[in-house]
Amino acid sequence: MKRHIISAMAVAAALLAGPAQAQEKLVVSTWGGSFRDLIAETIAKKFTADTGVAVEYITGGTIDRLNKAKLAKGAPESDITFTTSHVGWLYANDGLYEQLDLSKIPNASHLVEQAKISPYHIGSWAYVYTIGYRPDLLPKGAKIESWADLWKPEFKGMLASPDFDPSHIMVVSAMLSGGDAATWEKGQAKLLELKPNFKAFYTNDANSQQLLSTGETPIQVLLSMNGYYMKSQGVPVEIIIPKEGAVLGVDTMAVMAGTKKSELAYKFINAALDPDVQAAIAEFKKGSPVVDNAKLKPETAALPGVFTTPEQWKSQAIIIDHKLRAEKTGEWRKWFAENMIAR
């Protein structure tokens, strides 16, 4: 009888414990597609191995997810959010992020300076927007070594850049005109001079890939990660770092204000900054690790736009102030749509 009673108690305990364990999960807000897969195969894999906690995802576009987070302020749908550095400032300014306690993220001691975005969000990986082109489709003898080369008359009707974020080409135009992001208006006249060379403005990564692979736009202001994906698919695209540098992009992670799983969220961010995880991210997406102790394969470290040394971060990256970029994004998009995209 005693054995039966103990067995019954064990079954009851298992029934009670089972649902509780099954409900233990961390919810991550991110982009869908390959970026969701990147997180699942690298960061989440280690986090779940370390904690036994499953990871679920809310996916969507950058601004769509921001708007949903605003509506859910104080009772967030996700515990962790991945977004771009400048959009992360929009979350922070709306009080949607918890201020980070870096003492709970031991691996953050190895963060590179360029990944320390704010007291609320830090880098998860980095990349550049730079010049990518099809050498086989350029005029004979044509070379591209500088951002200024995009203005060459022989490239008429060959160029594409993103319509959703014109900041890269706008800041470059300002720099070539003696200004910077804060004085971007100095580059307006020069940017207007580039209009004849534009053939299209792409709406997303898939659209960018289509335009470059078909040769419709053999020159692009290109996301480096996207360019390396196309190379892996056999598209003969050349990716360069112009002599002025390439525009740095940092995707970030943050703990949502109001989460009930703050401690788990910190463990997740710490897992993201593990040097082996950072190396795996770099191999997966051909981007830059944001910690200084990740060991990359030599062939990956040698790729243009993959930064692994302080000198590369300093000399090859054009950094647009992330908070300023957040403040100016709407203004820049409006000007670009009205003056460059509109024909």
C-alpha atoms as a PDB file:
ATOM      1  CA  MET A   1       0.000   0.000   0.000  1.00  0.00           C
ATOM      2  CA  LYS A   2       2.795   2.385   0.915  1.00  0.00           C
ATOM      3  CA  ARG A   3       4.445   1.784  -2.485  1.00  0.00           C
ATOM      4  CA  HIS A   4       1.159   2.608  -4.242  1.00  0.00           C
ATOM      5  CA  ILE A   5       0.750   5.808  -2.220  1.00  0.00           C
ATOM      6  CA  ILE A   6       4.318   6.943  -3.057  1.00  0.00           C
ATOM      7  CA  SER A   7       3.742   6.161  -6.735  1.00  0.00           C
ATOM      8  CA  ALA A   8       0.529   8.137  -6.744  1.00  0.00           C
ATOM      9  CA  MET A   9       2.268  11.084  -5.089  1.00  0.00           C
ATOM     10  CA  ALA A  10       5.086  10.943  -7.679  1.00  0.00           C
ATOM     11  CA  VAL A  11       2.585  10.954 -10.545  1.00  0.00           C
ATOM     12  CA  ALA A  12       0.715  13.884  -9.015  1.00  0.00           C
ATOM     13  CA  ALA A  13       3.970  15.802  -8.521  1.00  0.00           C
ATOM     14  CA  ALA A  14       4.962  15.163 -12.145  1.00  0.00           C
ATOM     15  CA  LEU A  15       1.587  16.349 -13.377  1.00  0.00           C
ATOM     16  CA  LEU A  16       1.918  19.515 -11.349  1.00  0.00           C
ATOM     17  CA  ALA A  17       5.516  20.178 -12.348  1.00  0.00           C
ATOM     18  CA  GLY A  18       5.114  19.306 -16.029  1.00  0.00           C
ATOM     19  CA  PRO A  19       2.854  22.202 -17.076  1.00  0.00           C
ATOM     20  CA  ALA A  20       4.941  24.687 -15.062  1.00  0.00           C
ATOM     21  CA  GLN A  21       8.115  23.579 -16.854  1.00  0.00           C
ATOM     22  CA  ALA A  22       6.352  23.580 -20.193  1.00  0.00           C
ATOM     23  CA  GLN A  23       5.197  27.156 -19.616  1.00  0.00           C
ATOM     24  CA  GLU A  24       8.707  28.400 -18.811  1.00  0.00           C
ATOM     25  CA  LYS A  25       9.775  30.359 -21.891  1.00  0.00           C
ATOM     26  CA  LEU A  26      11.450  33.564 -22.926  1.00  0.00           C
ATOM     27  CA  VAL A  27       9.813  35.612 -25.670  1.00  0.00           C
ATOM     28  CA  VAL A  28      12.029  37.426 -28.158  1.00  0.00           C
ATOM     29  CA  SER A  29      10.888  40.102 -30.614  1.00  0.00           C
ATOM     30  CA  THR A  30      12.902  40.136 -33.820  1.00  0.00           C
ATOM     31  CA  TRP A  31      12.739  40.251 -37.582  1.00  0.00           C
ATOM     32  CA  GLY A  32      11.561  37.103 -39.300  1.00  0.00           C
ATOM     33  CA  GLY A  33      13.321  34.959 -41.864  1.00  0.00           C
ATOM     34  CA  SER A  34      17.082  34.550 -41.697  1.00  0.00           C
ATOM     35  CA  PHE A  35      17.491  36.841 -38.679  1.00  0.00           C
ATOM     36  CA  ARG A  36      15.062  34.799 -36.625  1.00  0.00           C
ATOM     37  CA  ASP A  37      16.961  31.676 -37.737  1.00  0.00           C
ATOM     38  CA  LEU A  38      20.257  33.343 -36.795  1.00  0.00           C
ATOM     39  CA  ILE A  39      19.074  33.968 -33.241  1.00  0.00           C
ATOM     40  CA  ALA A  40      17.548  30.496 -32.913  1.00  0.00           C
ATOM     41  CA  GLU A  41      20.635  28.664 -34.162  1.00  0.00           C
ATOM     42  CA  THR A  42      23.189  30.608 -32.158  1.00  0.00           C
ATOM     43  CA  ILE A  43      22.034  32.629 -29.144  1.00  0.00           C
ATOM     44  CA  ALA A  44      18.862  30.723 -28.252  1.00  0.00           C
ATOM     45  CA  LYS A  45      20.579  27.388 -28.708  1.00  0.00           C
ATOM     46  CA  LYS A  46      23.160  28.228 -26.047  1.00  0.00           C
ATOM     47  CA  PHE A  47      20.632  29.946 -23.774  1.00  0.00           C
ATOM     48  CA  THR A  48      18.320  26.917 -23.764  1.00  0.00           C
ATOM     49  CA  ALA A  49      21.249  24.532 -23.245  1.00  0.00           C
ATOM     50  CA  ASP A  50      22.369  26.599 -20.245  1.00  0.00           C
ATOM     51  CA  THR A  51      18.954  27.221 -18.656  1.00  0.00           C
ATOM     52  CA  GLY A  52      16.529  24.630 -20.012  1.00  0.00           C
ATOM     53  CA  VAL A  53      14.198  27.493 -20.947  1.00  0.00           C
ATOM     54  CA  ALA A  54      12.622  27.519 -24.388  1.00  0.00           C
ATOM     55  CA  VAL A  55      12.614  30.592 -26.613  1.00  0.00           C
ATOM     56  CA  GLU A  56       9.598  31.790 -28.577  1.00  0.00           C
ATOM     57  CA  TYR A  57       9.532  34.575 -31.150  1.00  0.00           C
ATOM     58  CA  ILE A  58       7.400  37.522 -32.149  1.00  0.00           C
ATOM     59  CA  THR A  59       8.459  38.568 -35.640  1.00  0.00           C
ATOM     60  CA  GLY A  60       7.701  41.542 -37.840  1.00  0.00           C
ATOM     61  CA  GLY A  61       9.021  44.677 -39.436  1.00  0.00           C
ATOM     62  CA  THR A  62      11.117  47.182 -37.524  1.00  0.00           C
ATOM     63  CA  ILE A  63       8.501  49.940 -37.213  1.00  0.00           C
ATOM     64  CA  ASP A  64       5.536  47.565 -36.913  1.00  0.00           C
ATOM     65  CA  ARG A  65       7.107  45.967 -33.849  1.00  0.00           C
ATOM     66  CA  LEU A  66       7.898  49.381 -32.353  1.00  0.00           C
ATOM     67  CA  ASN A  67       4.266  50.465 -32.739  1.00  0.00           C
ATOM     68  CA  LYS A  68       3.016  47.236 -31.135  1.00  0.00           C
ATOM     69  CA  ALA A  69       5.427  47.723 -28.244  1.00  0.00           C
ATOM     70  CA  LYS A  70       4.088  51.236 -27.671  1.00  0.00           C
ATOM     71  CA  LEU A  71       0.540  49.886 -27.442  1.00  0.00           C
ATOM     72  CA  ALA A  72       1.645  47.215 -24.949  1.00  0.00           C
ATOM     73  CA  LYS A  73       3.734  49.578 -22.799  1.00  0.00           C
ATOM     74  CA  GLY A  74       4.091  48.255 -19.243  1.00  0.00           C
ATOM     75  CA  ALA A  75       2.899  44.770 -20.192  1.00  0.00           C
ATOM     76  CA  PRO A  76       5.211  43.833 -23.058  1.00  0.00           C
ATOM     77  CA  GLU A  77       4.545  40.875 -25.328  1.00  0.00           C
ATOM     78  CA  SER A  78       8.263  40.101 -25.432  1.00  0.00           C
ATOM     79  CA  ASP A  79      10.999  39.959 -22.825  1.00  0.00           C
ATOM     80  CA  ILE A  80      13.844  40.819 -25.223  1.00  0.00           C
ATOM     81  CA  THR A  81      13.762  42.988 -28.345  1.00  0.00           C
ATOM     82  CA  PHE A  82      16.192  43.054 -31.251  1.00  0.00           C
ATOM     83  CA  THR A  83      16.161  46.129 -33.449  1.00  0.00           C
ATOM     84  CA  THR A  84      18.527  48.578 -35.106  1.00  0.00           C
ATOM     85  CA  SER A  85      20.611  50.927 -32.973  1.00  0.00           C
ATOM     86  CA  HIS A  86      18.738  54.080 -33.940  1.00  0.00           C
ATOM     87  CA  VAL A  87      15.247  52.576 -33.685  1.00  0.00           C
ATOM     88  CA  GLY A  88      16.305  51.240 -30.298  1.00  0.00           C
ATOM     89  CA  TRP A  89      16.624  54.860 -29.197  1.00  0.00           C
ATOM     90  CA  LEU A  90      12.945  55.343 -30.128  1.00  0.00           C
ATOM     91  CA  TYR A  91      12.049  52.479 -27.789  1.00  0.00           C
ATOM     92  CA  ALA A  92      14.253  53.938 -25.046  1.00  0.00           C
ATOM     93  CA  ASN A  93      12.850  57.442 -25.425  1.00  0.00           C
ATOM     94  CA  ASP A  94       9.331  56.032 -24.993  1.00  0.00           C
ATOM     95  CA  GLY A  95      10.307  54.218 -21.783  1.00  0.00           C
ATOM     96  CA  LEU A  96       9.929  50.784 -23.366  1.00  0.00           C
ATOM     97  CA  TYR A  97      13.362  49.494 -22.330  1.00  0.00           C
ATOM     98  CA  GLU A  98      14.714  48.619 -18.900  1.00  0.00           C
ATOM     99  CA  GLN A  99      18.018  50.292 -18.055  1.00  0.00           C
ATOM    100  CA  LEU A 100      20.676  47.608 -18.311  1.00  0.00           C
ATOM    101  CA  ASP A 101      22.666  46.421 -15.336  1.00  0.00           C
ATOM    102  CA  LEU A 102      25.880  45.323 -17.025  1.00  0.00           C
ATOM    103  CA  SER A 103      27.046  43.594 -13.847  1.00  0.00           C
ATOM    104  CA  LYS A 104      24.469  40.920 -14.740  1.00  0.00           C
ATOM    105  CA  ILE A 105      26.074  40.467 -18.167  1.00  0.00           C
ATOM    106  CA  PRO A 106      29.653  39.282 -17.500  1.00  0.00           C
ATOM    107  CA  ASN A 107      30.421  38.919 -21.214  1.00  0.00           C
ATOM    108  CA  ALA A 108      29.650  42.624 -21.709  1.00  0.00           C
ATOM    109  CA  SER A 109      33.109  43.362 -20.307  1.00  0.00           C
ATOM    110  CA  HIS A 110      34.390  42.477 -23.795  1.00  0.00           C
ATOM    111  CA  LEU A 111      32.020  44.738 -25.728  1.00  0.00           C
ATOM    112  CA  VAL A 112      33.731  46.911 -28.316  1.00  0.00           C
ATOM    113  CA  GLU A 113      33.110  50.622 -27.784  1.00  0.00           C
ATOM    114  CA  GLN A 114      31.059  50.882 -30.988  1.00  0.00           C
ATOM    115  CA  ALA A 115      28.517  48.415 -29.562  1.00  0.00           C
ATOM    116  CA  LYS A 116      27.848  50.419 -26.390  1.00  0.00           C
ATOM    117  CA  ILE A 117      24.856  52.218 -27.839  1.00  0.00           C
ATOM    118  CA  SER A 118      23.018  53.513 -24.760  1.00  0.00           C
ATOM    119  CA  PRO A 119      22.300  52.675 -21.109  1.00  0.00           C
ATOM    120  CA  TYR A 120      19.305  50.725 -22.442  1.00  0.00           C
ATOM    121  CA  HIS A 121      20.498  48.751 -25.489  1.00  0.00           C
ATOM    122  CA  ILE A 122      23.748  47.213 -26.654  1.00  0.00           C
ATOM    123  CA  GLY A 123      24.995  45.610 -29.844  1.00  0.00           C
ATOM    124  CA  SER A 124      24.301  42.013 -30.809  1.00  0.00           C
ATOM    125  CA  TRP A 125      26.203  42.028 -34.135  1.00  0.00           C
ATOM    126  CA  ALA A 126      27.364  44.624 -36.647  1.00  0.00           C
ATOM    127  CA  TYR A 127      27.525  45.079 -40.417  1.00  0.00           C
ATOM    128  CA  VAL A 128      28.019  47.839 -42.929  1.00  0.00           C
ATOM    129  CA  TYR A 129      26.058  49.443 -45.701  1.00  0.00           C
ATOM    130  CA  THR A 130      28.617  49.846 -48.424  1.00  0.00           C
ATOM    131  CA  ILE A 131      29.043  49.636 -52.200  1.00  0.00           C
ATOM    132  CA  GLY A 132      28.369  46.315 -53.901  1.00  0.00           C
ATOM    133  CA  TYR A 133      28.577  45.911 -57.654  1.00  0.00           C
ATOM    134  CA  ARG A 134      28.680  43.464 -60.536  1.00  0.00           C
ATOM    135  CA  PRO A 135      32.126  43.793 -62.208  1.00  0.00           C
ATOM    136  CA  ASP A 136      30.847  41.820 -65.185  1.00  0.00           C
ATOM    137  CA  LEU A 137      28.185  44.452 -65.905  1.00  0.00           C
ATOM    138  CA  LEU A 138      30.143  47.689 -65.448  1.00  0.00           C
ATOM    139  CA  PRO A 139      31.447  49.690 -68.417  1.00  0.00           C
ATOM    140  CA  LYS A 140      34.851  48.424 -69.568  1.00  0.00           C
ATOM    141  CA  GLY A 141      37.660  49.796 -67.394  1.00  0.00           C
ATOM    142  CA  ALA A 142      35.303  51.286 -64.814  1.00  0.00           C
ATOM    143  CA  LYS A 143      36.471  51.238 -61.198  1.00  0.00           C
ATOM    144  CA  ILE A 144      34.737  51.917 -57.910  1.00  0.00           C
ATOM    145  CA  GLU A 145      37.024  52.816 -55.010  1.00  0.00           C
ATOM    146  CA  SER A 146      35.266  55.770 -53.401  1.00  0.00           C
ATOM    147  CA  TRP A 147      31.729  56.840 -52.588  1.00  0.00           C
ATOM    148  CA  ALA A 148      32.355  59.717 -54.986  1.00  0.00           C
ATOM    149  CA  ASP A 149      32.629  57.203 -57.842  1.00  0.00           C
ATOM    150  CA  LEU A 150      28.866  56.604 -57.664  1.00  0.00           C
ATOM    151  CA  TRP A 151      28.439  60.014 -59.298  1.00  0.00           C
ATOM    152  CA  LYS A 152      30.386  59.026 -62.437  1.00  0.00           C
ATOM    153  CA  PRO A 153      28.365  59.747 -65.611  1.00  0.00           C
ATOM    154  CA  GLU A 154      29.120  56.271 -67.006  1.00  0.00           C
ATOM    155  CA  PHE A 155      27.012  54.782 -64.207  1.00  0.00           C
ATOM    156  CA  LYS A 156      23.815  56.481 -65.376  1.00  0.00           C
ATOM    157  CA  GLY A 157      20.758  54.338 -64.647  1.00  0.00           C
ATOM    158  CA  MET A 158      22.754  51.623 -62.838  1.00  0.00           C
ATOM    159  CA  LEU A 159      22.336  52.424 -59.120  1.00  0.00           C
ATOM    160  CA  ALA A 160      19.933  51.277 -56.393  1.00  0.00           C
ATOM    161  CA  SER A 161      19.696  52.026 -52.695  1.00  0.00           C
ATOM    162  CA  PRO A 162      17.113  51.290 -49.972  1.00  0.00           C
ATOM    163  CA  ASP A 163      13.956  53.386 -49.906  1.00  0.00           C
ATOM    164  CA  PHE A 164      13.257  52.520 -46.248  1.00  0.00           C
ATOM    165  CA  ASP A 165      16.473  54.052 -44.896  1.00  0.00           C
ATOM    166  CA  PRO A 166      18.214  56.714 -46.988  1.00  0.00           C
ATOM    167  CA  SER A 167      20.543  57.731 -44.152  1.00  0.00           C
ATOM    168  CA  HIS A 168      23.584  55.992 -45.651  1.00  0.00           C
ATOM    169  CA  ILE A 169      23.712  57.846 -48.962  1.00  0.00           C
ATOM    170  CA  MET A 170      22.464  61.093 -47.407  1.00  0.00           C
ATOM    171  CA  VAL A 171      25.242  61.196 -44.819  1.00  0.00           C
ATOM    172  CA  VAL A 172      27.843  60.200 -47.420  1.00  0.00           C
ATOM    173  CA  SER A 173      26.646  63.050 -49.667  1.00  0.00           C
ATOM    174  CA  ALA A 174      26.967  65.442 -46.752  1.00  0.00           C
ATOM    175  CA  MET A 175      30.497  64.202 -45.999  1.00  0.00           C
ATOM    176  CA  LEU A 176      31.550  64.629 -49.630  1.00  0.00           C
ATOM    177  CA  SER A 177      30.183  68.181 -49.417  1.00  0.00           C
ATOM    178  CA  GLY A 178      32.081  69.112 -46.263  1.00  0.00           C
ATOM    179  CA  GLY A 179      29.293  68.298 -43.802  1.00  0.00           C
ATOM    180  CA  ASP A 180      28.152  65.426 -41.626  1.00  0.00           C
ATOM    181  CA  ALA A 181      24.960  63.863 -40.276  1.00  0.00           C
ATOM    182  CA  ALA A 182      24.165  66.910 -38.149  1.00  0.00           C
ATOM    183  CA  THR A 183      24.607  69.235 -41.146  1.00  0.00           C
ATOM    184  CA  TRP A 184      23.102  66.866 -43.705  1.00  0.00           C
ATOM    185  CA  GLU A 185      21.548  69.737 -45.652  1.00  0.00           C
ATOM    186  CA  LYS A 186      25.024  70.505 -47.041  1.00  0.00           C
ATOM    187  CA  GLY A 187      24.761  67.339 -49.117  1.00  0.00           C
ATOM    188  CA  GLN A 188      21.367  68.020 -50.665  1.00  0.00           C
ATOM    189  CA  ALA A 189      22.657  69.595 -53.878  1.00  0.00           C
ATOM    190  CA  LYS A 190      25.196  66.833 -54.429  1.00  0.00           C
ATOM    191  CA  LEU A 191      22.589  64.156 -53.782  1.00  0.00           C
ATOM    192  CA  LEU A 192      20.297  65.704 -56.380  1.00  0.00           C
ATOM    193  CA  GLU A 193      23.176  65.407 -58.843  1.00  0.00           C
ATOM    194  CA  LEU A 194      23.081  61.639 -58.286  1.00  0.00           C
ATOM    195  CA  LYS A 195      19.479  61.275 -59.494  1.00  0.00           C
ATOM    196  CA  PRO A 196      20.358  60.347 -63.099  1.00  0.00           C
ATOM    197  CA  ASN A 197      22.410  57.379 -61.879  1.00  0.00           C
ATOM    198  CA  PHE A 198      19.517  55.861 -59.925  1.00  0.00           C
ATOM    199  CA  LYS A 199      17.536  53.098 -61.584  1.00  0.00           C
ATOM    200  CA  ALA A 200      15.569  51.849 -58.583  1.00  0.00           C
ATOM    201  CA  PHE A 201      15.040  52.021 -54.835  1.00  0.00           C
ATOM    202  CA  TYR A 202      14.687  48.606 -53.228  1.00  0.00           C
ATOM    203  CA  THR A 203      12.128  47.895 -50.527  1.00  0.00           C
ATOM    204  CA  ASN A 204      13.726  44.938 -48.697  1.00  0.00           C
ATOM    205  CA  ASP A 205      16.561  42.411 -48.872  1.00  0.00           C
ATOM    206  CA  ALA A 206      14.752  40.141 -51.316  1.00  0.00           C
ATOM    207  CA  ASN A 207      14.130  43.063 -53.660  1.00  0.00           C
ATOM    208  CA  SER A 208      17.803  44.062 -53.409  1.00  0.00           C
ATOM    209  CA  GLN A 209      18.872  40.532 -54.294  1.00  0.00           C
ATOM    210  CA  GLN A 210      16.555  40.412 -57.283  1.00  0.00           C
ATOM    211  CA  LEU A 211      17.769  43.719 -58.702  1.00  0.00           C
ATOM    212  CA  LEU A 212      21.426  42.774 -58.349  1.00  0.00           C
ATOM    213  CA  SER A 213      21.178  39.155 -59.470  1.00  0.00           C
ATOM    214  CA  THR A 214      19.251  40.046 -62.639  1.00  0.00           C
ATOM    215  CA  GLY A 215      21.628  42.913 -63.345  1.00  0.00           C
ATOM    216  CA  GLU A 216      18.863  45.512 -63.441  1.00  0.00           C
ATOM    217  CA  THR A 217      20.887  47.567 -60.944  1.00  0.00           C
ATOM    218  CA  PRO A 218      24.500  46.389 -61.150  1.00  0.00           C
ATOM    219  CA  ILE A 219      25.586  48.895 -58.480  1.00  0.00           C
ATOM    220  CA  GLN A 220      23.958  49.148 -55.056  1.00  0.00           C
ATOM    221  CA  VAL A 221      24.277  50.806 -51.691  1.00  0.00           C
ATOM    222  CA  LEU A 222      24.215  47.354 -50.164  1.00  0.00           C
ATOM    223  CA  LEU A 223      23.854  45.626 -46.804  1.00  0.00           C
ATOM    224  CA  SER A 224      27.108  43.679 -46.517  1.00  0.00           C
ATOM    225  CA  MET A 225      25.379  40.607 -45.055  1.00  0.00           C
ATOM    226  CA  ASN A 226      23.012  40.561 -48.016  1.00  0.00           C
ATOM    227  CA  GLY A 227      25.914  40.834 -50.430  1.00  0.00           C
ATOM    228  CA  TYR A 228      27.704  37.864 -48.904  1.00  0.00           C
ATOM    229  CA  TYR A 229      24.532  35.806 -49.069  1.00  0.00           C
ATOM    230  CA  MET A 230      24.281  36.565 -52.792  1.00  0.00           C
ATOM    231  CA  LYS A 231      27.919  35.580 -53.297  1.00  0.00           C
ATOM    232  CA  SER A 232      27.167  32.248 -51.622  1.00  0.00           C
ATOM    233  CA  GLN A 233      24.376  31.766 -54.166  1.00  0.00           C
ATOM    234  CA  GLY A 234      26.725  32.315 -57.082  1.00  0.00           C
ATOM    235  CA  VAL A 235      25.990  35.964 -57.889  1.00  0.00           C
ATOM    236  CA  PRO A 236      29.316  37.588 -58.913  1.00  0.00           C
ATOM    237  CA  VAL A 237      28.994  40.619 -56.647  1.00  0.00           C
ATOM    238  CA  GLU A 238      32.044  42.536 -55.450  1.00  0.00           C
ATOM    239  CA  ILE A 239      31.807  44.118 -51.978  1.00  0.00           C
ATOM    240  CA  ILE A 240      34.226  46.905 -51.143  1.00  0.00           C
ATOM    241  CA  ILE A 241      35.014  49.326 -48.350  1.00  0.00           C
ATOM    242  CA  PRO A 242      35.269  52.761 -50.013  1.00  0.00           C
ATOM    243  CA  LYS A 243      38.325  54.807 -49.096  1.00  0.00           C
ATOM    244  CA  GLU A 244      36.116  57.040 -46.912  1.00  0.00           C
ATOM    245  CA  GLY A 245      34.820  53.988 -45.007  1.00  0.00           C
ATOM    246  CA  ALA A 246      31.488  52.167 -44.966  1.00  0.00           C
ATOM    247  CA  VAL A 247      28.406  53.157 -42.972  1.00  0.00           C
ATOM    248  CA  LEU A 248      28.257  51.096 -39.790  1.00  0.00           C
ATOM    249  CA  GLY A 249      25.071  49.359 -38.731  1.00  0.00           C
ATOM    250  CA  VAL A 250      24.625  47.788 -35.312  1.00  0.00           C
ATOM    251  CA  ASP A 251      21.672  45.603 -34.463  1.00  0.00           C
ATOM    252  CA  THR A 252      20.901  45.705 -30.774  1.00  0.00           C
ATOM    253  CA  MET A 253      19.187  43.870 -27.952  1.00  0.00           C
ATOM    254  CA  ALA A 254      17.421  45.162 -24.871  1.00  0.00           C
ATOM    255  CA  VAL A 255      15.312  44.016 -21.932  1.00  0.00           C
ATOM    256  CA  MET A 256      11.732  45.223 -22.154  1.00  0.00           C
ATOM    257  CA  ALA A 257      10.466  47.384 -19.299  1.00  0.00           C
ATOM    258  CA  GLY A 258       7.772  45.496 -17.421  1.00  0.00           C
ATOM    259  CA  THR A 259       9.015  42.004 -18.216  1.00  0.00           C
ATOM    260  CA  LYS A 260       8.515  39.452 -15.473  1.00  0.00           C
ATOM    261  CA  LYS A 261      11.540  37.491 -16.670  1.00  0.00           C
ATOM    262  CA  SER A 262      14.282  40.025 -16.293  1.00  0.00           C
ATOM    263  CA  GLU A 263      16.829  37.585 -14.872  1.00  0.00           C
ATOM    264  CA  LEU A 264      16.324  35.178 -17.761  1.00  0.00           C
ATOM    265  CA  ALA A 265      16.567  38.075 -20.186  1.00  0.00           C
ATOM    266  CA  TYR A 266      19.976  38.979 -18.769  1.00  0.00           C
ATOM    267  CA  LYS A 267      21.111  35.379 -19.168  1.00  0.00           C
ATOM    268  CA  PHE A 268      19.977  35.491 -22.791  1.00  0.00           C
ATOM    269  CA  ILE A 269      21.955  38.671 -23.498  1.00  0.00           C
ATOM    270  CA  ASN A 270      24.992  37.179 -21.781  1.00  0.00           C
ATOM    271  CA  ALA A 271      24.673  34.110 -24.007  1.00  0.00           C
ATOM    272  CA  ALA A 272      24.502  36.406 -27.046  1.00  0.00           C
ATOM    273  CA  LEU A 273      27.856  37.947 -26.102  1.00  0.00           C
ATOM    274  CA  ASP A 274      29.589  34.627 -25.501  1.00  0.00           C
ATOM    275  CA  PRO A 275      32.700  34.644 -27.741  1.00  0.00           C
ATOM    276  CA  ASP A 276      31.842  31.300 -29.349  1.00  0.00           C
ATOM    277  CA  VAL A 277      28.293  32.490 -30.071  1.00  0.00           C
ATOM    278  CA  GLN A 278      29.637  35.742 -31.527  1.00  0.00           C
ATOM    279  CA  ALA A 279      31.978  33.760 -33.768  1.00  0.00           C
ATOM    280  CA  ALA A 280      29.060  31.582 -34.892  1.00  0.00           C
ATOM    281  CA  ILE A 281      26.996  34.689 -35.696  1.00  0.00           C
ATOM    282  CA  ALA A 282      29.852  36.072 -37.788  1.00  0.00           C
ATOM    283  CA  GLU A 283      30.105  32.804 -39.709  1.00  0.00           C
ATOM    284  CA  PHE A 284      26.330  32.605 -40.179  1.00  0.00           C
ATOM    285  CA  LYS A 285      25.826  36.166 -41.468  1.00  0.00           C
ATOM    286  CA  LYS A 286      29.336  37.392 -42.311  1.00  0.00           C
ATOM    287  CA  GLY A 287      29.009  40.325 -39.928  1.00  0.00           C
ATOM    288  CA  SER A 288      31.258  41.746 -37.237  1.00  0.00           C
ATOM    289  CA  PRO A 289      31.327  40.340 -33.712  1.00  0.00           C
ATOM    290  CA  VAL A 290      30.676  42.974 -31.048  1.00  0.00           C
ATOM    291  CA  VAL A 291      33.057  41.498 -28.487  1.00  0.00           C
ATOM    292  CA  ASP A 292      36.837  41.657 -28.723  1.00  0.00           C
ATOM    293  CA  ASN A 293      37.488  38.027 -27.761  1.00  0.00           C
ATOM    294  CA  ALA A 294      35.621  36.179 -30.543  1.00  0.00           C
ATOM    295  CA  LYS A 295      37.875  34.015 -32.735  1.00  0.00           C
ATOM    296  CA  LEU A 296      36.828  33.990 -36.390  1.00  0.00           C
ATOM    297  CA  LYS A 297      38.025  31.807 -39.222  1.00  0.00           C
ATOM    298  CA  PRO A 298      40.762  33.681 -41.136  1.00  0.00           C
ATOM    299  CA  GLU A 299      38.739  33.693 -44.355  1.00  0.00           C
ATOM    300  CA  THR A 300      35.762  35.271 -42.561  1.00  0.00           C
ATOM    301  CA  ALA A 301      37.890  37.843 -40.725  1.00  0.00           C
ATOM    302  CA  ALA A 302      39.397  38.862 -44.077  1.00  0.00           C
ATOM    303  CA  LEU A 303      36.052  39.812 -45.636  1.00  0.00           C
ATOM    304  CA  PRO A 304      35.462  43.541 -46.296  1.00  0.00           C
ATOM    305  CA  GLY A 305      33.126  44.904 -43.630  1.00  0.00           C
ATOM    306  CA  VAL A 306      33.942  42.252 -41.018  1.00  0.00           C
ATOM    307  CA  PHE A 307      35.760  44.166 -38.279  1.00  0.00           C
ATOM    308  CA  THR A 308      37.919  42.266 -35.808  1.00  0.00           C
ATOM    309  CA  THR A 309      40.549  44.836 -34.774  1.00  0.00           C
ATOM    310  CA  PRO A 310      40.348  48.281 -33.134  1.00  0.00           C
ATOM    311  CA  GLU A 311      42.044  49.779 -36.188  1.00  0.00           C
ATOM    312  CA  GLN A 312      39.347  48.431 -38.537  1.00  0.00           C
ATOM    313  CA  TRP A 313      36.572  49.772 -36.321  1.00  0.00           C
ATOM    314  CA  LYS A 314      38.297  53.153 -36.245  1.00  0.00           C
ATOM    315  CA  SER A 315      39.388  53.591 -39.863  1.00  0.00           C
ATOM    316  CA  GLN A 316      36.821  51.668 -41.903  1.00  0.00           C
ATOM    317  CA  ALA A 317      33.526  52.544 -40.196  1.00  0.00           C
ATOM    318  CA  ILE A 318      31.502  55.692 -40.788  1.00  0.00           C
ATOM    319  CA  ILE A 319      29.460  56.028 -37.601  1.00  0.00           C
ATOM    320  CA  ILE A 320      26.260  58.037 -37.673  1.00  0.00           C
ATOM    321  CA  ASP A 321      25.389  59.084 -34.122  1.00  0.00           C
ATOM    322  CA  HIS A 322      22.649  56.617 -33.198  1.00  0.00           C
ATOM    323  CA  LYS A 323      20.518  59.033 -31.187  1.00  0.00           C
ATOM    324  CA  LEU A 324      20.779  61.729 -33.867  1.00  0.00           C
ATOM    325  CA  ARG A 325      19.863  59.168 -36.486  1.00  0.00           C
ATOM    326  CA  ALA A 326      16.733  58.289 -34.529  1.00  0.00           C
ATOM    327  CA  GLU A 327      15.770  61.951 -34.328  1.00  0.00           C
ATOM    328  CA  LYS A 328      16.418  62.610 -38.025  1.00  0.00           C
ATOM    329  CA  THR A 329      15.049  59.407 -39.590  1.00  0.00           C
ATOM    330  CA  GLY A 330      11.587  60.806 -40.299  1.00  0.00           C
ATOM    331  CA  GLU A 331      12.952  64.057 -41.717  1.00  0.00           C
ATOM    332  CA  TRP A 332      15.487  62.241 -43.882  1.00  0.00           C
ATOM    333  CA  ARG A 333      12.937  59.787 -45.264  1.00  0.00           C
ATOM    334  CA  LYS A 334      10.520  62.601 -46.111  1.00  0.00           C
ATOM    335  CA  TRP A 335      13.157  64.637 -47.947  1.00  0.00           C
ATOM    336  CA  PHE A 336      14.460  61.588 -49.811  1.00  0.00           C
ATOM    337  CA  ALA A 337      10.985  60.468 -50.869  1.00  0.00           C
ATOM    338  CA  GLU A 338      10.036  63.905 -52.121  1.00  0.00           C
ATOM    339  CA  ASN A 339      13.298  64.828 -53.813  1.00  0.00           C
ATOM    340  CA  MET A 340      14.938  61.589 -54.906  1.00  0.00           C
ATOM    341  CA  ILE A 341      12.322  58.841 -55.263  1.00  0.00           C
ATOM    342  CA  ALA A 342       9.592  61.056 -56.718  1.00  0.00           C
ATOM    343  CA  ARG A 343      10.221  61.573 -60.405  1.00  0.00           C
END
